[in-house]
Amino acid sequence: MVLYGIYGYSHEETAELLGVAPGDCLAIEDSVTGAQSADAAGCVVLVVPNDVAVPDGPRRRHIESLAGLGVADLRKIYVEMCS
């Protein structure tokens, strides 16, 4: 499951609203605090650059852009990161 943040809700709350466990989600983040929140919830984190660099982490992958990526690509990234 690709987890998009819902403004005002944590990653855990968003996953709960969707009926999935945070660990079964790929969170797409562009900020340090967003990536930290996703990490704390147990999500796998795909980091897309913005104004401030986001540090590497054990369950994070950095990519330059989401342009050209589809759902199948995001699923493949999630599976690779979980294996």
C-alpha atoms as a PDB file:
ATOM      1  CA  MET A   1       0.000   0.000   0.000  1.00  0.00           C
ATOM      2  CA  VAL A   2       1.302   3.453  -0.859  1.00  0.00           C
ATOM      3  CA  LEU A   3       0.618   5.766   2.043  1.00  0.00           C
ATOM      4  CA  TYR A   4      -0.026   9.407   1.314  1.00  0.00           C
ATOM      5  CA  GLY A   5      -0.247  11.589   4.369  1.00  0.00           C
ATOM      6  CA  ILE A   6      -3.572  13.045   5.274  1.00  0.00           C
ATOM      7  CA  TYR A   7      -3.024  16.518   6.657  1.00  0.00           C
ATOM      8  CA  GLY A   8      -3.453  16.536  10.417  1.00  0.00           C
ATOM      9  CA  TYR A   9      -3.099  12.766  10.793  1.00  0.00           C
ATOM     10  CA  SER A  10       0.004  10.760  11.689  1.00  0.00           C
ATOM     11  CA  HIS A  11       1.187   7.920   9.472  1.00  0.00           C
ATOM     12  CA  GLU A  12      -0.206   5.468  12.031  1.00  0.00           C
ATOM     13  CA  GLU A  13      -3.614   7.157  12.001  1.00  0.00           C
ATOM     14  CA  THR A  14      -3.646   7.285   8.195  1.00  0.00           C
ATOM     15  CA  ALA A  15      -2.816   3.569   7.954  1.00  0.00           C
ATOM     16  CA  GLU A  16      -5.531   2.797  10.505  1.00  0.00           C
ATOM     17  CA  LEU A  17      -8.073   4.797   8.490  1.00  0.00           C
ATOM     18  CA  LEU A  18      -7.122   2.691   5.461  1.00  0.00           C
ATOM     19  CA  GLY A  19      -7.326  -0.545   7.466  1.00  0.00           C
ATOM     20  CA  VAL A  20      -3.681  -1.544   7.010  1.00  0.00           C
ATOM     21  CA  ALA A  21      -0.619  -1.835   9.217  1.00  0.00           C
ATOM     22  CA  PRO A  22       1.963   0.956   8.817  1.00  0.00           C
ATOM     23  CA  GLY A  23       4.633  -1.673   8.109  1.00  0.00           C
ATOM     24  CA  ASP A  24       2.683  -2.676   5.018  1.00  0.00           C
ATOM     25  CA  CYS A  25       2.917   0.868   3.642  1.00  0.00           C
ATOM     26  CA  LEU A  26       5.312   2.838   1.476  1.00  0.00           C
ATOM     27  CA  ALA A  27       5.275   6.417   2.734  1.00  0.00           C
ATOM     28  CA  ILE A  28       6.366   9.073   0.249  1.00  0.00           C
ATOM     29  CA  GLU A  29       8.020  11.979   2.047  1.00  0.00           C
ATOM     30  CA  ASP A  30       9.939  15.126   1.200  1.00  0.00           C
ATOM     31  CA  SER A  31      10.827  16.433   4.654  1.00  0.00           C
ATOM     32  CA  VAL A  32      12.944  15.417   7.607  1.00  0.00           C
ATOM     33  CA  THR A  33       9.985  15.452  10.009  1.00  0.00           C
ATOM     34  CA  GLY A  34       7.777  13.526   7.599  1.00  0.00           C
ATOM     35  CA  ALA A  35      10.431  10.846   7.104  1.00  0.00           C
ATOM     36  CA  GLN A  36      10.984  10.637  10.877  1.00  0.00           C
ATOM     37  CA  SER A  37       7.245  10.266  11.457  1.00  0.00           C
ATOM     38  CA  ALA A  38       6.992   7.526   8.820  1.00  0.00           C
ATOM     39  CA  ASP A  39      10.017   5.747  10.348  1.00  0.00           C
ATOM     40  CA  ALA A  40       8.491   5.939  13.821  1.00  0.00           C
ATOM     41  CA  ALA A  41       5.242   4.443  12.513  1.00  0.00           C
ATOM     42  CA  GLY A  42       7.145   1.546  10.930  1.00  0.00           C
ATOM     43  CA  CYS A  43       6.605   2.506   7.298  1.00  0.00           C
ATOM     44  CA  VAL A  44       9.070   1.999   4.484  1.00  0.00           C
ATOM     45  CA  VAL A  45       9.974   5.519   3.314  1.00  0.00           C
ATOM     46  CA  LEU A  46      10.550   6.789  -0.211  1.00  0.00           C
ATOM     47  CA  VAL A  47      12.213  10.195  -0.013  1.00  0.00           C
ATOM     48  CA  VAL A  48      11.782  12.722  -2.818  1.00  0.00           C
ATOM     49  CA  PRO A  49      13.971  15.823  -2.510  1.00  0.00           C
ATOM     50  CA  ASN A  50      12.587  19.211  -1.624  1.00  0.00           C
ATOM     51  CA  ASP A  51      14.155  22.284  -0.026  1.00  0.00           C
ATOM     52  CA  VAL A  52      15.931  20.502   2.855  1.00  0.00           C
ATOM     53  CA  ALA A  53      17.986  17.317   2.506  1.00  0.00           C
ATOM     54  CA  VAL A  54      16.561  14.272   4.288  1.00  0.00           C
ATOM     55  CA  PRO A  55      19.214  12.022   5.880  1.00  0.00           C
ATOM     56  CA  ASP A  56      19.560   8.369   4.924  1.00  0.00           C
ATOM     57  CA  GLY A  57      17.935   5.761   7.125  1.00  0.00           C
ATOM     58  CA  PRO A  58      17.674   1.964   7.252  1.00  0.00           C
ATOM     59  CA  ARG A  59      14.141   1.895   5.786  1.00  0.00           C
ATOM     60  CA  ARG A  60      14.557   4.858   3.423  1.00  0.00           C
ATOM     61  CA  ARG A  61      15.315   5.110  -0.262  1.00  0.00           C
ATOM     62  CA  HIS A  62      15.994   8.423  -2.008  1.00  0.00           C
ATOM     63  CA  ILE A  63      14.883   9.097  -5.571  1.00  0.00           C
ATOM     64  CA  GLU A  64      15.141  12.289  -7.616  1.00  0.00           C
ATOM     65  CA  SER A  65      11.506  12.469  -8.716  1.00  0.00           C
ATOM     66  CA  LEU A  66       8.203  10.626  -8.877  1.00  0.00           C
ATOM     67  CA  ALA A  67       7.839  11.638 -12.535  1.00  0.00           C
ATOM     68  CA  GLY A  68       7.199   8.630 -14.704  1.00  0.00           C
ATOM     69  CA  LEU A  69       6.558   6.255 -11.802  1.00  0.00           C
ATOM     70  CA  GLY A  70       3.331   4.313 -11.657  1.00  0.00           C
ATOM     71  CA  VAL A  71       1.750   2.124  -9.013  1.00  0.00           C
ATOM     72  CA  ALA A  72       3.631  -0.940 -10.279  1.00  0.00           C
ATOM     73  CA  ASP A  73       6.932   0.933  -9.928  1.00  0.00           C
ATOM     74  CA  LEU A  74       6.106   1.985  -6.365  1.00  0.00           C
ATOM     75  CA  ARG A  75       5.116  -1.584  -5.494  1.00  0.00           C
ATOM     76  CA  LYS A  76       8.424  -2.854  -6.892  1.00  0.00           C
ATOM     77  CA  ILE A  77      10.340  -0.305  -4.797  1.00  0.00           C
ATOM     78  CA  TYR A  78       8.417  -1.385  -1.683  1.00  0.00           C
ATOM     79  CA  VAL A  79       9.070  -5.093  -2.307  1.00  0.00           C
ATOM     80  CA  GLU A  80      12.789  -4.465  -2.951  1.00  0.00           C
ATOM     81  CA  MET A  81      13.098  -2.452   0.243  1.00  0.00           C
ATOM     82  CA  CYS A  82      11.359  -5.133   2.308  1.00  0.00           C
ATOM     83  CA  SER A  83      13.477  -8.016   1.062  1.00  0.00           C
END
